[in-house]
Amino acid sequence: MAESDDENGLIEAYLDALWLERGASEHTLSGYRRDLEAWRSHADECGSRLLSPDPEVLPRWLEARRAAGYQLRSNARLLSSLRGFYRWLLEQGRLDSDPLSEVRLPPVRANLPDTLDEPEVERLLIAPDADTALGLRDRAMLEVLYGCGLRVSELIGLRLDSVNLRQGVVRVVGKGDKERLVPLGEEAQAWVERYLRAGRSELMTDIRQPPLFPGRGDAFMTRQTFWYRIKHYARLAGIDKPLSPHTLRHAFATHLLNHGANLRVVQMLLGHSDLSTTQIYTHVAQARLETLHAEHHPRG
């Protein structure tokens, strides 16, 4: 029992460290906890221990999971969770060596994110009726989403004081409460100015409330509400691809790279902490070039 309690304490201490040092979200912490507890339970069943697992236990378990229908990506995510935990134990001096150092998985090919080409984005952006306050709000939101490459949570969380129209920037609070400044761009800035001048006051009973883009009752809009709005405008625009608010973030990054932007710049604009996360968009851009070559080159 004492050993089990010690393992529980180490798992919780590791999760606390992730929260304090990396600003990990509750969703992320929940996933790590689930992975670590599943691994500890399996190790117990096999007569092994969390801090000194038999080197054959994990490979056999990963293979059993594959046979049970788990995808390679799921196993890769699990292994990544466990490796992070054991690296932390090494740093804390609780282990002398990494028990997972020899465990390998086949490489996982990254799924290319759904995106839109530039004419499709243009059709989507002009779909809202900008002669109404609601349509003006939605047009400004779509312009900011695409023009700044924001996550939907960042977009709906924008406050009135998040935007500096004089400097043409928006202050974004991203994952882990990390702030970054993102240029608005001329089109997005123009639509935000128009919305603030002629739309926001019609949608709010108290314009002193903080949401830049309010939902019901002067409150911040929910993710679900904006998801429904973007689906509605996709139908109006005749876009039948799988679409979500994140699709415009993907389009933002892909179109920047297609027009010659530096990958590091795109990383900073997206708020990615790791360049490898941004590199997926180089694959998207390459896939687009290959498609264009196949369609238009006489020997494609």
Protein backbone atom coordinates (compact mmCIF):
# COMPACT_ATOMS: atom_id res chain seq x y z
CA MET A 1 0.00 0.00 0.00
CA ALA A 2 2.81 2.41 0.86
CA GLU A 3 4.43 1.84 -2.54
CA SER A 4 1.11 2.45 -4.27
CA ASP A 5 0.61 5.67 -2.31
CA ASP A 6 4.10 6.79 -3.30
CA GLU A 7 3.29 6.15 -6.96
CA ASN A 8 0.04 8.14 -6.62
CA GLY A 9 1.97 11.00 -5.08
CA LEU A 10 4.54 11.01 -7.87
CA ILE A 11 1.88 11.06 -10.57
CA GLU A 12 0.14 14.00 -8.89
CA ALA A 13 3.45 15.81 -8.36
CA TYR A 14 4.25 15.37 -12.06
CA LEU A 15 0.84 16.73 -13.09
CA ASP A 16 1.32 19.70 -10.76
CA ALA A 17 4.67 20.38 -12.42
CA LEU A 18 3.05 20.30 -15.86
CA TRP A 19 0.45 22.80 -14.70
CA LEU A 20 2.88 25.13 -12.97
CA GLU A 21 5.78 25.04 -15.43
CA ARG A 22 4.04 24.56 -18.76
CA GLY A 23 0.56 25.92 -18.09
CA ALA A 24 -1.03 22.62 -19.19
CA SER A 25 -4.83 22.76 -19.47
CA GLU A 26 -7.22 20.65 -17.41
CA HIS A 27 -8.00 18.65 -20.56
CA THR A 28 -4.30 17.90 -21.11
CA LEU A 29 -3.74 17.00 -17.45
CA SER A 30 -6.74 14.69 -17.51
CA GLY A 31 -5.28 12.85 -20.51
CA TYR A 32 -1.88 12.45 -18.85
CA ARG A 33 -3.50 11.19 -15.64
CA ARG A 34 -5.57 8.65 -17.57
CA ASP A 35 -2.51 7.36 -19.45
CA LEU A 36 -0.34 7.07 -16.34
CA GLU A 37 -3.00 5.34 -14.26
CA ALA A 38 -3.76 2.89 -17.08
CA TRP A 39 -0.04 2.08 -17.38
CA ARG A 40 0.38 1.67 -13.62
CA SER A 41 -2.67 -0.61 -13.46
CA HIS A 42 -1.37 -2.75 -16.33
CA ALA A 43 2.11 -2.96 -14.80
CA ASP A 44 0.53 -4.10 -11.50
CA GLU A 45 -1.42 -6.83 -13.31
CA CYS A 46 1.81 -8.07 -14.84
CA GLY A 47 3.63 -8.15 -11.51
CA SER A 48 5.69 -5.09 -12.40
CA ARG A 49 5.93 -1.62 -10.81
CA LEU A 50 5.54 1.89 -12.11
CA LEU A 51 9.05 2.96 -11.06
CA SER A 52 10.78 -0.21 -12.21
CA PRO A 53 8.74 -1.75 -15.04
CA ASP A 54 9.88 -4.94 -16.72
CA PRO A 55 11.32 -3.85 -20.11
CA GLU A 56 9.07 -6.30 -21.99
CA VAL A 57 5.78 -5.25 -20.37
CA LEU A 58 5.17 -2.02 -22.28
CA PRO A 59 5.97 -3.35 -25.79
CA ARG A 60 3.63 -6.32 -25.19
CA TRP A 61 0.91 -3.99 -23.91
CA LEU A 62 1.23 -1.66 -26.91
CA GLU A 63 0.98 -4.64 -29.25
CA ALA A 64 -2.09 -5.93 -27.38
CA ARG A 65 -3.70 -2.49 -27.71
CA ARG A 66 -3.05 -2.54 -31.46
CA ALA A 67 -4.64 -5.98 -31.71
CA ALA A 68 -7.63 -4.66 -29.78
CA GLY A 69 -8.17 -1.90 -32.36
CA TYR A 70 -6.22 1.05 -30.98
CA GLN A 71 -4.66 3.13 -33.74
CA LEU A 72 -0.91 3.66 -34.00
CA ARG A 73 -1.47 7.35 -33.23
CA SER A 74 -3.19 6.44 -29.95
CA ASN A 75 -0.23 4.28 -28.89
CA ALA A 76 2.19 7.03 -29.89
CA ARG A 77 0.33 9.53 -27.72
CA LEU A 78 0.35 7.08 -24.80
CA LEU A 79 4.07 6.45 -25.17
CA SER A 80 4.72 10.19 -25.30
CA SER A 81 2.82 10.65 -22.02
CA LEU A 82 4.83 7.92 -20.32
CA ARG A 83 8.16 9.19 -21.62
CA GLY A 84 7.44 12.66 -20.27
CA PHE A 85 6.74 11.18 -16.86
CA TYR A 86 9.94 9.11 -16.76
CA ARG A 87 12.05 12.05 -17.97
CA TRP A 88 10.67 14.07 -15.09
CA LEU A 89 11.50 11.25 -12.64
CA LEU A 90 15.08 11.26 -13.94
CA GLU A 91 15.29 15.03 -13.42
CA GLN A 92 13.98 14.61 -9.88
CA GLY A 93 16.58 11.96 -9.11
CA ARG A 94 13.96 9.24 -8.54
CA LEU A 95 15.40 7.05 -11.32
CA ASP A 96 18.91 6.30 -12.53
CA SER A 97 17.89 5.41 -16.08
CA ASP A 98 14.91 5.68 -18.42
CA PRO A 99 13.07 2.32 -18.50
CA LEU A 100 11.46 3.22 -21.83
CA SER A 101 14.63 4.23 -23.68
CA GLU A 102 14.56 1.16 -25.93
CA VAL A 103 10.82 1.23 -26.71
CA ARG A 104 10.11 2.23 -30.31
CA LEU A 105 7.01 2.60 -32.45
CA PRO A 106 6.70 2.82 -36.23
CA PRO A 107 6.67 6.47 -37.35
CA VAL A 108 3.23 8.04 -37.39
CA ARG A 109 2.38 10.00 -40.49
CA ALA A 110 0.78 13.27 -39.51
CA ASN A 111 -2.81 13.78 -40.63
CA LEU A 112 -3.01 16.79 -42.90
CA PRO A 113 -5.50 19.27 -41.47
CA ASP A 114 -8.59 20.21 -43.46
CA THR A 115 -8.18 23.59 -45.08
CA LEU A 116 -9.75 25.86 -47.69
CA ASP A 117 -8.24 27.37 -50.81
CA GLU A 118 -8.20 31.13 -51.16
CA PRO A 119 -11.36 31.47 -53.33
CA GLU A 120 -13.27 29.32 -50.81
CA VAL A 121 -12.11 31.50 -47.94
CA GLU A 122 -13.23 34.59 -49.85
CA ARG A 123 -16.70 33.10 -50.41
CA LEU A 124 -16.96 32.25 -46.72
CA LEU A 125 -15.87 35.70 -45.57
CA ILE A 126 -18.47 37.52 -47.67
CA ALA A 127 -21.32 35.21 -46.70
CA PRO A 128 -22.60 37.20 -43.65
CA ASP A 129 -25.07 40.02 -44.35
CA ALA A 130 -23.02 43.01 -43.27
CA ASP A 131 -26.10 45.26 -43.43
CA THR A 132 -27.26 43.76 -40.12
CA ALA A 133 -25.59 44.09 -36.73
CA LEU A 134 -25.42 40.30 -36.36
CA GLY A 135 -23.95 39.83 -39.82
CA LEU A 136 -21.49 42.65 -39.21
CA ARG A 137 -20.31 40.97 -36.01
CA ASP A 138 -19.92 37.63 -37.78
CA ARG A 139 -18.07 39.16 -40.73
CA ALA A 140 -15.64 40.86 -38.35
CA MET A 141 -15.15 37.58 -36.45
CA LEU A 142 -14.41 35.62 -39.62
CA GLU A 143 -12.00 38.29 -40.84
CA VAL A 144 -10.13 38.27 -37.52
CA LEU A 145 -10.12 34.46 -37.35
CA TYR A 146 -8.61 34.14 -40.82
CA GLY A 147 -6.53 37.32 -40.75
CA CYS A 148 -4.86 36.47 -37.43
CA GLY A 149 -4.94 32.65 -37.44
CA LEU A 150 -6.53 32.47 -34.00
CA ARG A 151 -7.82 29.44 -32.16
CA VAL A 152 -11.58 29.64 -31.70
CA SER A 153 -11.14 29.91 -27.91
CA GLU A 154 -8.83 32.88 -28.48
CA LEU A 155 -11.31 34.54 -30.82
CA ILE A 156 -14.38 34.27 -28.60
CA GLY A 157 -12.30 35.29 -25.58
CA LEU A 158 -11.24 38.62 -27.07
CA ARG A 159 -12.08 41.61 -24.93
CA LEU A 160 -12.82 45.11 -26.13
CA ASP A 161 -9.42 46.24 -24.86
CA SER A 162 -7.66 43.34 -26.64
CA VAL A 163 -7.65 45.28 -29.91
CA ASN A 164 -5.45 48.29 -30.59
CA LEU A 165 -6.80 49.76 -33.82
CA ARG A 166 -4.26 52.58 -33.85
CA GLN A 167 -1.37 50.10 -33.94
CA GLY A 168 -3.31 47.48 -35.88
CA VAL A 169 -2.65 44.61 -33.46
CA VAL A 170 -4.65 42.27 -31.27
CA ARG A 171 -3.45 40.95 -27.91
CA VAL A 172 -4.25 37.26 -27.74
CA VAL A 173 -4.28 35.05 -24.64
CA GLY A 174 -3.39 31.55 -25.83
CA LYS A 175 -2.71 28.18 -24.24
CA GLY A 176 -1.22 28.33 -20.77
CA ASP A 177 -2.35 31.98 -20.50
CA LYS A 178 0.54 33.00 -22.73
CA GLU A 179 0.04 36.36 -24.43
CA ARG A 180 1.14 37.29 -27.93
CA LEU A 181 0.57 40.26 -30.22
CA VAL A 182 -0.74 39.46 -33.69
CA PRO A 183 -1.08 41.95 -36.57
CA LEU A 184 -4.71 42.47 -37.57
CA GLY A 185 -4.13 43.11 -41.25
CA GLU A 186 -5.90 45.83 -43.23
CA GLU A 187 -9.08 43.89 -44.03
CA ALA A 188 -9.62 42.57 -40.51
CA GLN A 189 -8.89 45.97 -39.02
CA ALA A 190 -11.35 47.69 -41.36
CA TRP A 191 -14.14 45.25 -40.51
CA VAL A 192 -13.51 45.48 -36.76
CA GLU A 193 -13.63 49.27 -37.00
CA ARG A 194 -16.91 49.12 -38.93
CA TYR A 195 -18.38 46.63 -36.47
CA LEU A 196 -17.41 48.74 -33.44
CA ARG A 197 -18.84 51.82 -35.11
CA ALA A 198 -22.15 50.38 -36.28
CA GLY A 199 -22.78 46.88 -34.91
CA ARG A 200 -21.62 46.13 -31.38
CA SER A 201 -23.83 48.68 -29.62
CA GLU A 202 -26.94 47.18 -31.27
CA LEU A 203 -26.11 43.73 -29.93
CA MET A 204 -25.45 44.75 -26.31
CA THR A 205 -27.54 46.20 -23.53
CA ASP A 206 -24.38 47.45 -21.80
CA ILE A 207 -21.49 48.28 -24.14
CA ARG A 208 -19.17 48.61 -21.13
CA GLN A 209 -19.13 44.82 -20.79
CA PRO A 210 -15.80 43.30 -21.91
CA PRO A 211 -16.64 40.87 -24.77
CA LEU A 212 -15.50 42.20 -28.13
CA PHE A 213 -17.84 39.77 -29.89
CA PRO A 214 -20.76 39.16 -27.50
CA GLY A 215 -23.12 36.22 -27.53
CA ARG A 216 -26.35 36.19 -25.56
CA GLY A 217 -26.95 38.66 -22.77
CA ASP A 218 -23.69 40.60 -23.22
CA ALA A 219 -21.72 37.43 -22.30
CA PHE A 220 -18.79 35.96 -24.18
CA MET A 221 -19.90 33.81 -27.08
CA THR A 222 -19.65 30.05 -26.65
CA ARG A 223 -17.57 27.83 -28.91
CA GLN A 224 -20.71 25.95 -29.91
CA THR A 225 -22.49 29.12 -31.01
CA PHE A 226 -19.63 30.21 -33.23
CA TRP A 227 -19.30 26.67 -34.62
CA TYR A 228 -22.95 26.80 -35.70
CA ARG A 229 -22.46 30.26 -37.21
CA ILE A 230 -19.51 29.16 -39.34
CA LYS A 231 -21.39 26.05 -40.50
CA HIS A 232 -24.30 28.29 -41.52
CA TYR A 233 -22.07 30.56 -43.59
CA ALA A 234 -20.31 27.59 -45.19
CA ARG A 235 -23.69 26.41 -46.48
CA LEU A 236 -24.47 29.89 -47.81
CA ALA A 237 -21.07 29.95 -49.52
CA GLY A 238 -21.62 26.56 -51.12
CA ILE A 239 -18.69 24.95 -49.31
CA ASP A 240 -19.31 21.26 -48.71
CA LYS A 241 -15.91 20.36 -47.20
CA PRO A 242 -15.64 19.37 -43.54
CA LEU A 243 -15.44 22.72 -41.82
CA SER A 244 -14.85 24.03 -38.32
CA PRO A 245 -13.52 27.29 -36.87
CA HIS A 246 -10.07 25.65 -36.79
CA THR A 247 -10.21 25.27 -40.58
CA LEU A 248 -9.62 29.00 -41.01
CA ARG A 249 -6.60 28.80 -38.70
CA HIS A 250 -5.22 26.06 -40.94
CA ALA A 251 -5.97 28.17 -44.02
CA PHE A 252 -4.20 31.16 -42.46
CA ALA A 253 -1.00 29.18 -41.91
CA THR A 254 -1.11 27.35 -45.25
CA HIS A 255 -1.74 30.49 -47.29
CA LEU A 256 1.07 32.35 -45.53
CA LEU A 257 3.51 29.56 -46.42
CA ASN A 258 2.17 29.37 -49.97
CA HIS A 259 3.03 33.05 -50.34
CA GLY A 260 6.56 32.63 -49.02
CA ALA A 261 6.28 33.31 -45.28
CA ASN A 262 9.04 32.02 -43.01
CA LEU A 263 8.08 29.01 -40.90
CA ARG A 264 9.38 30.66 -37.72
CA VAL A 265 7.16 33.68 -38.35
CA VAL A 266 4.14 31.44 -38.81
CA GLN A 267 5.04 29.65 -35.58
CA MET A 268 5.09 32.95 -33.68
CA LEU A 269 1.79 34.11 -35.19
CA LEU A 270 0.07 30.83 -34.34
CA GLY A 271 1.45 30.79 -30.81
CA HIS A 272 3.04 27.33 -31.17
CA SER A 273 5.63 26.60 -28.50
CA ASP A 274 7.29 23.93 -30.67
CA LEU A 275 8.27 24.43 -34.32
CA SER A 276 7.47 20.79 -35.06
CA THR A 277 3.79 21.59 -34.51
CA THR A 278 3.95 24.28 -37.20
CA GLN A 279 5.78 22.04 -39.67
CA ILE A 280 2.58 20.16 -40.49
CA TYR A 281 1.64 23.15 -42.64
CA THR A 282 4.67 22.67 -44.85
CA HIS A 283 3.18 19.28 -45.72
CA VAL A 284 -0.16 20.93 -46.51
CA ALA A 285 1.51 23.46 -48.76
CA GLN A 286 3.52 20.70 -50.50
CA ALA A 287 0.38 18.62 -51.00
CA ARG A 288 -1.30 21.63 -52.60
CA LEU A 289 1.65 22.15 -54.97
CA GLU A 290 1.56 18.48 -55.98
CA THR A 291 -2.18 18.72 -56.70
CA LEU A 292 -1.71 21.84 -58.83
CA HIS A 293 1.14 20.15 -60.72
CA ALA A 294 -0.97 17.08 -61.39
CA GLU A 295 -3.91 19.19 -62.58
CA HIS A 296 -2.11 21.68 -64.79
CA HIS A 297 1.22 20.28 -65.98
CA PRO A 298 1.02 18.44 -69.33
CA ARG A 299 2.98 15.56 -67.84
CA GLY A 300 1.41 15.77 -64.40
